Full PDB file with SEQRES, HELIX, SHEET, SSBOND, CRYST1, ORIGX, SCALE, CONECT and MASTER records, all heavy atoms in Angstrom:
SEQRES   1 A   32  VAL VAL ALA ASP ALA ALA SER SER ARG GLN PRO ALA SER          
SEQRES   2 A   32  VAL ASP LEU ALA LEU ALA ARG LEU GLN THR ALA ALA VAL          
SEQRES   3 A   32  ALA VAL VAL ASN THR GLU                                      
HELIX    1 AA1 ALA A    3  ALA A    5  5                                   3    
HELIX    2 AA2 PRO A   11  THR A   23  1                                  13    
CRYST1    1.000    1.000    1.000  90.00  90.00  90.00 P 1           1          
ORIGX1      1.000000  0.000000  0.000000        0.00000                         
ORIGX2      0.000000  1.000000  0.000000        0.00000                         
ORIGX3      0.000000  0.000000  1.000000        0.00000                         
SCALE1      1.000000  0.000000  0.000000        0.00000                         
SCALE2      0.000000  1.000000  0.000000        0.00000                         
SCALE3      0.000000  0.000000  1.000000        0.00000                         
ATOM      1  N   VAL A   1      20.087 -39.513  28.248  1.00  0.00           N  
ATOM      2  CA  VAL A   1      19.351 -39.117  27.050  1.00  0.00           C  
ATOM      3  C   VAL A   1      19.749 -40.076  25.938  1.00  0.00           C  
ATOM      4  O   VAL A   1      20.937 -40.317  25.705  1.00  0.00           O  
ATOM      5  CB  VAL A   1      19.635 -37.655  26.658  1.00  0.00           C  
ATOM      6  CG1 VAL A   1      19.084 -37.340  25.272  1.00  0.00           C  
ATOM      7  CG2 VAL A   1      19.046 -36.710  27.688  1.00  0.00           C  
ATOM      8  N   VAL A   2      18.754 -40.614  25.254  1.00  0.00           N  
ATOM      9  CA  VAL A   2      18.979 -41.573  24.181  1.00  0.00           C  
ATOM     10  C   VAL A   2      19.161 -40.784  22.881  1.00  0.00           C  
ATOM     11  O   VAL A   2      18.195 -40.296  22.300  1.00  0.00           O  
ATOM     12  CB  VAL A   2      17.820 -42.578  24.082  1.00  0.00           C  
ATOM     13  CG1 VAL A   2      18.138 -43.649  23.037  1.00  0.00           C  
ATOM     14  CG2 VAL A   2      17.550 -43.224  25.448  1.00  0.00           C  
ATOM     15  N   ALA A   3      20.403 -40.680  22.445  1.00  0.00           N  
ATOM     16  CA  ALA A   3      20.751 -39.782  21.335  1.00  0.00           C  
ATOM     17  C   ALA A   3      20.041 -40.128  20.038  1.00  0.00           C  
ATOM     18  O   ALA A   3      19.628 -39.225  19.301  1.00  0.00           O  
ATOM     19  CB  ALA A   3      22.267 -39.783  21.123  1.00  0.00           C  
ATOM     20  N   ASP A   4      19.872 -41.404  19.718  1.00  0.00           N  
ATOM     21  CA  ASP A   4      19.221 -41.747  18.455  1.00  0.00           C  
ATOM     22  C   ASP A   4      17.697 -41.738  18.562  1.00  0.00           C  
ATOM     23  O   ASP A   4      16.995 -41.987  17.582  1.00  0.00           O  
ATOM     24  CB  ASP A   4      19.731 -43.067  17.883  1.00  0.00           C  
ATOM     25  CG  ASP A   4      19.531 -44.260  18.792  1.00  0.00           C  
ATOM     26  OD1 ASP A   4      19.191 -44.079  19.978  1.00  0.00           O  
ATOM     27  OD2 ASP A   4      19.714 -45.393  18.307  1.00  0.00           O  
ATOM     28  N   ALA A   5      17.182 -41.409  19.734  1.00  0.00           N  
ATOM     29  CA  ALA A   5      15.741 -41.245  19.949  1.00  0.00           C  
ATOM     30  C   ALA A   5      15.438 -39.817  20.397  1.00  0.00           C  
ATOM     31  O   ALA A   5      14.450 -39.556  21.078  1.00  0.00           O  
ATOM     32  CB  ALA A   5      15.234 -42.251  20.976  1.00  0.00           C  
ATOM     33  N   ALA A   6      16.316 -38.889  20.013  1.00  0.00           N  
ATOM     34  CA  ALA A   6      16.130 -37.470  20.333  1.00  0.00           C  
ATOM     35  C   ALA A   6      16.625 -36.658  19.147  1.00  0.00           C  
ATOM     36  O   ALA A   6      17.613 -37.014  18.511  1.00  0.00           O  
ATOM     37  CB  ALA A   6      16.916 -37.093  21.593  1.00  0.00           C  
ATOM     38  N   SER A   7      15.929 -35.577  18.854  1.00  0.00           N  
ATOM     39  CA  SER A   7      16.360 -34.724  17.744  1.00  0.00           C  
ATOM     40  C   SER A   7      15.729 -33.346  17.874  1.00  0.00           C  
ATOM     41  O   SER A   7      14.959 -33.084  18.804  1.00  0.00           O  
ATOM     42  CB  SER A   7      16.006 -35.361  16.396  1.00  0.00           C  
ATOM     43  OG  SER A   7      16.672 -34.695  15.336  1.00  0.00           O  
ATOM     44  N   SER A   8      16.074 -32.504  16.926  1.00  0.00           N  
ATOM     45  CA  SER A   8      15.563 -31.136  16.827  1.00  0.00           C  
ATOM     46  C   SER A   8      15.290 -30.845  15.359  1.00  0.00           C  
ATOM     47  O   SER A   8      15.571 -31.668  14.493  1.00  0.00           O  
ATOM     48  CB  SER A   8      16.591 -30.128  17.360  1.00  0.00           C  
ATOM     49  OG  SER A   8      16.846 -30.331  18.732  1.00  0.00           O  
ATOM     50  N   ARG A   9      14.809 -29.648  15.073  1.00  0.00           N  
ATOM     51  CA  ARG A   9      14.586 -29.265  13.684  1.00  0.00           C  
ATOM     52  C   ARG A   9      15.897 -29.184  12.910  1.00  0.00           C  
ATOM     53  O   ARG A   9      15.966 -29.554  11.752  1.00  0.00           O  
ATOM     54  CB  ARG A   9      13.839 -27.934  13.609  1.00  0.00           C  
ATOM     55  CG  ARG A   9      12.370 -28.063  14.017  1.00  0.00           C  
ATOM     56  CD  ARG A   9      11.707 -26.735  14.292  1.00  0.00           C  
ATOM     57  NE  ARG A   9      12.224 -26.239  15.576  1.00  0.00           N  
ATOM     58  CZ  ARG A   9      12.637 -24.999  15.806  1.00  0.00           C  
ATOM     59  NH1 ARG A   9      12.561 -24.086  14.879  1.00  0.00           N  
ATOM     60  NH2 ARG A   9      13.107 -24.665  16.984  1.00  0.00           N  
ATOM     61  N   GLN A  10      16.948 -28.700  13.567  1.00  0.00           N  
ATOM     62  CA  GLN A  10      18.249 -28.526  12.918  1.00  0.00           C  
ATOM     63  C   GLN A  10      19.281 -29.480  13.512  1.00  0.00           C  
ATOM     64  O   GLN A  10      19.424 -29.534  14.748  1.00  0.00           O  
ATOM     65  CB  GLN A  10      18.740 -27.090  13.088  1.00  0.00           C  
ATOM     66  CG  GLN A  10      17.831 -26.041  12.471  1.00  0.00           C  
ATOM     67  CD  GLN A  10      17.731 -26.201  10.969  1.00  0.00           C  
ATOM     68  OE1 GLN A  10      18.706 -26.482  10.290  1.00  0.00           O  
ATOM     69  NE2 GLN A  10      16.523 -26.035  10.449  1.00  0.00           N  
ATOM     70  N   PRO A  11      20.029 -30.211  12.680  1.00  0.00           N  
ATOM     71  CA  PRO A  11      21.054 -31.117  13.203  1.00  0.00           C  
ATOM     72  C   PRO A  11      22.079 -30.427  14.097  1.00  0.00           C  
ATOM     73  O   PRO A  11      22.532 -31.008  15.084  1.00  0.00           O  
ATOM     74  CB  PRO A  11      21.723 -31.677  11.937  1.00  0.00           C  
ATOM     75  CG  PRO A  11      20.702 -31.524  10.866  1.00  0.00           C  
ATOM     76  CD  PRO A  11      19.909 -30.283  11.222  1.00  0.00           C  
ATOM     77  N   ALA A  12      22.441 -29.186  13.793  1.00  0.00           N  
ATOM     78  CA  ALA A  12      23.420 -28.474  14.618  1.00  0.00           C  
ATOM     79  C   ALA A  12      22.901 -28.276  16.038  1.00  0.00           C  
ATOM     80  O   ALA A  12      23.690 -28.306  16.997  1.00  0.00           O  
ATOM     81  CB  ALA A  12      23.769 -27.128  13.979  1.00  0.00           C  
ATOM     82  N   SER A  13      21.606 -28.093  16.191  1.00  0.00           N  
ATOM     83  CA  SER A  13      21.022 -27.947  17.533  1.00  0.00           C  
ATOM     84  C   SER A  13      21.149 -29.235  18.330  1.00  0.00           C  
ATOM     85  O   SER A  13      21.386 -29.205  19.546  1.00  0.00           O  
ATOM     86  CB  SER A  13      19.552 -27.543  17.430  1.00  0.00           C  
ATOM     87  OG  SER A  13      19.423 -26.280  16.820  1.00  0.00           O  
ATOM     88  N   VAL A  14      21.012 -30.364  17.652  1.00  0.00           N  
ATOM     89  CA  VAL A  14      21.163 -31.661  18.319  1.00  0.00           C  
ATOM     90  C   VAL A  14      22.594 -31.826  18.804  1.00  0.00           C  
ATOM     91  O   VAL A  14      22.840 -32.221  19.949  1.00  0.00           O  
ATOM     92  CB  VAL A  14      20.781 -32.830  17.380  1.00  0.00           C  
ATOM     93  CG1 VAL A  14      20.970 -34.175  18.075  1.00  0.00           C  
ATOM     94  CG2 VAL A  14      19.356 -32.678  16.874  1.00  0.00           C  
ATOM     95  N   ASP A  15      23.547 -31.524  17.937  1.00  0.00           N  
ATOM     96  CA  ASP A  15      24.962 -31.640  18.304  1.00  0.00           C  
ATOM     97  C   ASP A  15      25.296 -30.791  19.525  1.00  0.00           C  
ATOM     98  O   ASP A  15      25.978 -31.248  20.452  1.00  0.00           O  
ATOM     99  CB  ASP A  15      25.857 -31.229  17.133  1.00  0.00           C  
ATOM    100  CG  ASP A  15      25.719 -32.160  15.937  1.00  0.00           C  
ATOM    101  OD1 ASP A  15      25.227 -33.307  16.096  1.00  0.00           O  
ATOM    102  OD2 ASP A  15      26.093 -31.731  14.826  1.00  0.00           O  
ATOM    103  N   LEU A  16      24.820 -29.552  19.528  1.00  0.00           N  
ATOM    104  CA  LEU A  16      25.069 -28.670  20.673  1.00  0.00           C  
ATOM    105  C   LEU A  16      24.428 -29.219  21.946  1.00  0.00           C  
ATOM    106  O   LEU A  16      25.035 -29.199  23.022  1.00  0.00           O  
ATOM    107  CB  LEU A  16      24.535 -27.264  20.389  1.00  0.00           C  
ATOM    108  CG  LEU A  16      25.334 -26.433  19.405  1.00  0.00           C  
ATOM    109  CD1 LEU A  16      24.574 -25.168  19.034  1.00  0.00           C  
ATOM    110  CD2 LEU A  16      26.694 -26.087  19.987  1.00  0.00           C  
ATOM    111  N   ALA A  17      23.204 -29.721  21.818  1.00  0.00           N  
ATOM    112  CA  ALA A  17      22.503 -30.263  22.982  1.00  0.00           C  
ATOM    113  C   ALA A  17      23.252 -31.453  23.565  1.00  0.00           C  
ATOM    114  O   ALA A  17      23.458 -31.528  24.785  1.00  0.00           O  
ATOM    115  CB  ALA A  17      21.078 -30.660  22.601  1.00  0.00           C  
ATOM    116  N   LEU A  18      23.666 -32.388  22.727  1.00  0.00           N  
ATOM    117  CA  LEU A  18      24.359 -33.577  23.229  1.00  0.00           C  
ATOM    118  C   LEU A  18      25.687 -33.216  23.880  1.00  0.00           C  
ATOM    119  O   LEU A  18      26.043 -33.777  24.924  1.00  0.00           O  
ATOM    120  CB  LEU A  18      24.550 -34.589  22.099  1.00  0.00           C  
ATOM    121  CG  LEU A  18      23.256 -35.167  21.515  1.00  0.00           C  
ATOM    122  CD1 LEU A  18      23.556 -36.097  20.348  1.00  0.00           C  
ATOM    123  CD2 LEU A  18      22.421 -35.869  22.573  1.00  0.00           C  
ATOM    124  N   ALA A  19      26.400 -32.262  23.308  1.00  0.00           N  
ATOM    125  CA  ALA A  19      27.662 -31.820  23.907  1.00  0.00           C  
ATOM    126  C   ALA A  19      27.408 -31.177  25.271  1.00  0.00           C  
ATOM    127  O   ALA A  19      28.117 -31.455  26.241  1.00  0.00           O  
ATOM    128  CB  ALA A  19      28.377 -30.848  22.974  1.00  0.00           C  
ATOM    129  N   ARG A  20      26.403 -30.344  25.349  1.00  0.00           N  
ATOM    130  CA  ARG A  20      26.103 -29.674  26.621  1.00  0.00           C  
ATOM    131  C   ARG A  20      25.627 -30.663  27.672  1.00  0.00           C  
ATOM    132  O   ARG A  20      25.987 -30.558  28.850  1.00  0.00           O  
ATOM    133  CB  ARG A  20      25.062 -28.588  26.407  1.00  0.00           C  
ATOM    134  CG  ARG A  20      24.804 -27.797  27.675  1.00  0.00           C  
ATOM    135  CD  ARG A  20      24.038 -26.545  27.414  1.00  0.00           C  
ATOM    136  NE  ARG A  20      23.721 -25.890  28.668  1.00  0.00           N  
ATOM    137  CZ  ARG A  20      22.719 -25.063  28.827  1.00  0.00           C  
ATOM    138  NH1 ARG A  20      21.938 -24.761  27.807  1.00  0.00           N  
ATOM    139  NH2 ARG A  20      22.480 -24.518  29.993  1.00  0.00           N  
ATOM    140  N   LEU A  21      24.805 -31.622  27.272  1.00  0.00           N  
ATOM    141  CA  LEU A  21      24.312 -32.628  28.211  1.00  0.00           C  
ATOM    142  C   LEU A  21      25.469 -33.392  28.846  1.00  0.00           C  
ATOM    143  O   LEU A  21      25.466 -33.649  30.053  1.00  0.00           O  
ATOM    144  CB  LEU A  21      23.357 -33.593  27.506  1.00  0.00           C  
ATOM    145  CG  LEU A  21      21.989 -33.015  27.161  1.00  0.00           C  
ATOM    146  CD1 LEU A  21      21.256 -33.925  26.176  1.00  0.00           C  
ATOM    147  CD2 LEU A  21      21.160 -32.792  28.418  1.00  0.00           C  
ATOM    148  N   GLN A  22      26.457 -33.746  28.048  1.00  0.00           N  
ATOM    149  CA  GLN A  22      27.591 -34.498  28.585  1.00  0.00           C  
ATOM    150  C   GLN A  22      28.367 -33.691  29.617  1.00  0.00           C  
ATOM    151  O   GLN A  22      28.858 -34.255  30.594  1.00  0.00           O  
ATOM    152  CB  GLN A  22      28.500 -34.957  27.451  1.00  0.00           C  
ATOM    153  CG  GLN A  22      27.845 -36.055  26.635  1.00  0.00           C  
ATOM    154  CD  GLN A  22      28.680 -36.492  25.458  1.00  0.00           C  
ATOM    155  OE1 GLN A  22      29.188 -35.659  24.698  1.00  0.00           O  
ATOM    156  NE2 GLN A  22      28.831 -37.788  25.296  1.00  0.00           N  
ATOM    157  N   THR A  23      28.458 -32.384  29.436  1.00  0.00           N  
ATOM    158  CA  THR A  23      29.166 -31.570  30.416  1.00  0.00           C  
ATOM    159  C   THR A  23      28.337 -31.346  31.673  1.00  0.00           C  
ATOM    160  O   THR A  23      28.867 -30.915  32.690  1.00  0.00           O  
ATOM    161  CB  THR A  23      29.591 -30.201  29.836  1.00  0.00           C  
ATOM    162  OG1 THR A  23      28.426 -29.444  29.527  1.00  0.00           O  
ATOM    163  CG2 THR A  23      30.451 -30.374  28.593  1.00  0.00           C  
ATOM    164  N   ALA A  24      27.035 -31.664  31.598  1.00  0.00           N  
ATOM    165  CA  ALA A  24      26.130 -31.472  32.736  1.00  0.00           C  
ATOM    166  C   ALA A  24      25.876 -32.784  33.496  1.00  0.00           C  
ATOM    167  O   ALA A  24      24.910 -32.881  34.243  1.00  0.00           O  
ATOM    168  CB  ALA A  24      24.805 -30.897  32.250  1.00  0.00           C  
ATOM    169  N   ALA A  25      26.727 -33.779  33.277  1.00  0.00           N  
ATOM    170  CA  ALA A  25      26.636 -35.071  33.973  1.00  0.00           C  
ATOM    171  C   ALA A  25      25.459 -35.931  33.532  1.00  0.00           C  
ATOM    172  O   ALA A  25      25.037 -36.827  34.243  1.00  0.00           O  
ATOM    173  CB  ALA A  25      26.632 -34.881  35.491  1.00  0.00           C  
ATOM    174  N   VAL A  26      24.930 -35.651  32.341  1.00  0.00           N  
ATOM    175  CA  VAL A  26      23.882 -36.492  31.765  1.00  0.00           C  
ATOM    176  C   VAL A  26      24.574 -37.540  30.899  1.00  0.00           C  
ATOM    177  O   VAL A  26      25.427 -37.209  30.078  1.00  0.00           O  
ATOM    178  CB  VAL A  26      22.906 -35.649  30.910  1.00  0.00           C  
ATOM    179  CG1 VAL A  26      21.901 -36.544  30.194  1.00  0.00           C  
ATOM    180  CG2 VAL A  26      22.194 -34.614  31.779  1.00  0.00           C  
ATOM    181  N   ALA A  27      24.197 -38.802  31.083  1.00  0.00           N  
ATOM    182  CA  ALA A  27      24.743 -39.863  30.235  1.00  0.00           C  
ATOM    183  C   ALA A  27      24.069 -39.775  28.874  1.00  0.00           C  
ATOM    184  O   ALA A  27      22.851 -39.647  28.785  1.00  0.00           O  
ATOM    185  CB  ALA A  27      24.484 -41.223  30.865  1.00  0.00           C  
ATOM    186  N   VAL A  28      24.860 -39.818  27.817  1.00  0.00           N  
ATOM    187  CA  VAL A  28      24.318 -39.844  26.464  1.00  0.00           C  
ATOM    188  C   VAL A  28      24.527 -41.266  25.950  1.00  0.00           C  
ATOM    189  O   VAL A  28      25.663 -41.749  25.877  1.00  0.00           O  
ATOM    190  CB  VAL A  28      24.990 -38.796  25.554  1.00  0.00           C  
ATOM    191  CG1 VAL A  28      24.483 -38.931  24.124  1.00  0.00           C  
ATOM    192  CG2 VAL A  28      24.721 -37.397  26.092  1.00  0.00           C  
ATOM    193  N   VAL A  29      23.420 -41.929  25.632  1.00  0.00           N  
ATOM    194  CA  VAL A  29      23.441 -43.327  25.212  1.00  0.00           C  
ATOM    195  C   VAL A  29      22.681 -43.453  23.893  1.00  0.00           C  
ATOM    196  O   VAL A  29      22.100 -42.487  23.421  1.00  0.00           O  
ATOM    197  CB  VAL A  29      22.813 -44.240  26.293  1.00  0.00           C  
ATOM    198  CG1 VAL A  29      23.576 -44.136  27.613  1.00  0.00           C  
ATOM    199  CG2 VAL A  29      21.340 -43.920  26.512  1.00  0.00           C  
ATOM    200  N   ASN A  30      22.682 -44.647  23.318  1.00  0.00           N  
ATOM    201  CA  ASN A  30      21.805 -44.905  22.182  1.00  0.00           C  
ATOM    202  C   ASN A  30      20.803 -45.987  22.579  1.00  0.00           C  
ATOM    203  O   ASN A  30      20.864 -46.527  23.694  1.00  0.00           O  
ATOM    204  CB  ASN A  30      22.591 -45.229  20.903  1.00  0.00           C  
ATOM    205  CG  ASN A  30      23.333 -46.546  20.961  1.00  0.00           C  
ATOM    206  OD1 ASN A  30      23.062 -47.418  21.777  1.00  0.00           O  
ATOM    207  ND2 ASN A  30      24.298 -46.704  20.074  1.00  0.00           N  
ATOM    208  N   THR A  31      19.892 -46.296  21.689  1.00  0.00           N  
ATOM    209  CA  THR A  31      18.827 -47.244  22.004  1.00  0.00           C  
ATOM    210  C   THR A  31      19.383 -48.596  22.406  1.00  0.00           C  
ATOM    211  O   THR A  31      18.948 -49.192  23.396  1.00  0.00           O  
ATOM    212  CB  THR A  31      17.874 -47.379  20.791  1.00  0.00           C  
ATOM    213  OG1 THR A  31      17.308 -46.091  20.522  1.00  0.00           O  
ATOM    214  CG2 THR A  31      16.770 -48.369  21.065  1.00  0.00           C  
ATOM    215  N   GLU A  32      20.350 -49.108  21.643  1.00  0.00           N  
ATOM    216  CA  GLU A  32      20.914 -50.419  21.975  1.00  0.00           C  
ATOM    217  C   GLU A  32      21.575 -50.418  23.341  1.00  0.00           C  
ATOM    218  O   GLU A  32      21.446 -51.389  24.095  1.00  0.00           O  
ATOM    219  CB  GLU A  32      21.914 -50.848  20.903  1.00  0.00           C  
ATOM    220  CG  GLU A  32      21.256 -51.251  19.615  1.00  0.00           C  
ATOM    221  CD  GLU A  32      22.230 -51.899  18.643  1.00  0.00           C  
ATOM    222  OE1 GLU A  32      23.085 -52.703  19.077  1.00  0.00           O  
ATOM    223  OE2 GLU A  32      22.125 -51.601  17.452  1.00  0.00           O  
TER     224      GLU A  32                                                      
MASTER        0    0    0    2    0    0    0    6  223    1    0    3          
END                                                                             
């Protein structure tokens, strides 16, 4: 999941999503 190309209505929801994704074996990357 490209973190700087993903978002939600609330920043806290994004933070929770990225943390959960990492524990689920999803690589969290940025565009570069």
